[in-house]
């Protein structure tokens, strides 16, 4: 049997921190009664895709809905100088 030497610097620990509900909820929005997932796509950019509530429950559990941002309606305001996610 051959012995394996450990490196002098030791074993590096890999962080396997599971995302919190807040982290998971940042990917979703509720606008009116409809849920959307925020998708970052290379080349296209950031866009919203309609997502089923049942799929969110299957992926993350019911607790994630307490952290999802909720909006009454959506609106697109043209502005060539700056882009805002939320206008108050």
Foldseek 3Di string as FASTA:
>chain_A
DDDDDADPVGDDDDDPDDDDLLVVQVQWAAEANWIWGWDQDPPVGTDTDTDDPVVCCVVPNPVSVVNHYYHHHDDDDDDPPDDDPDDD
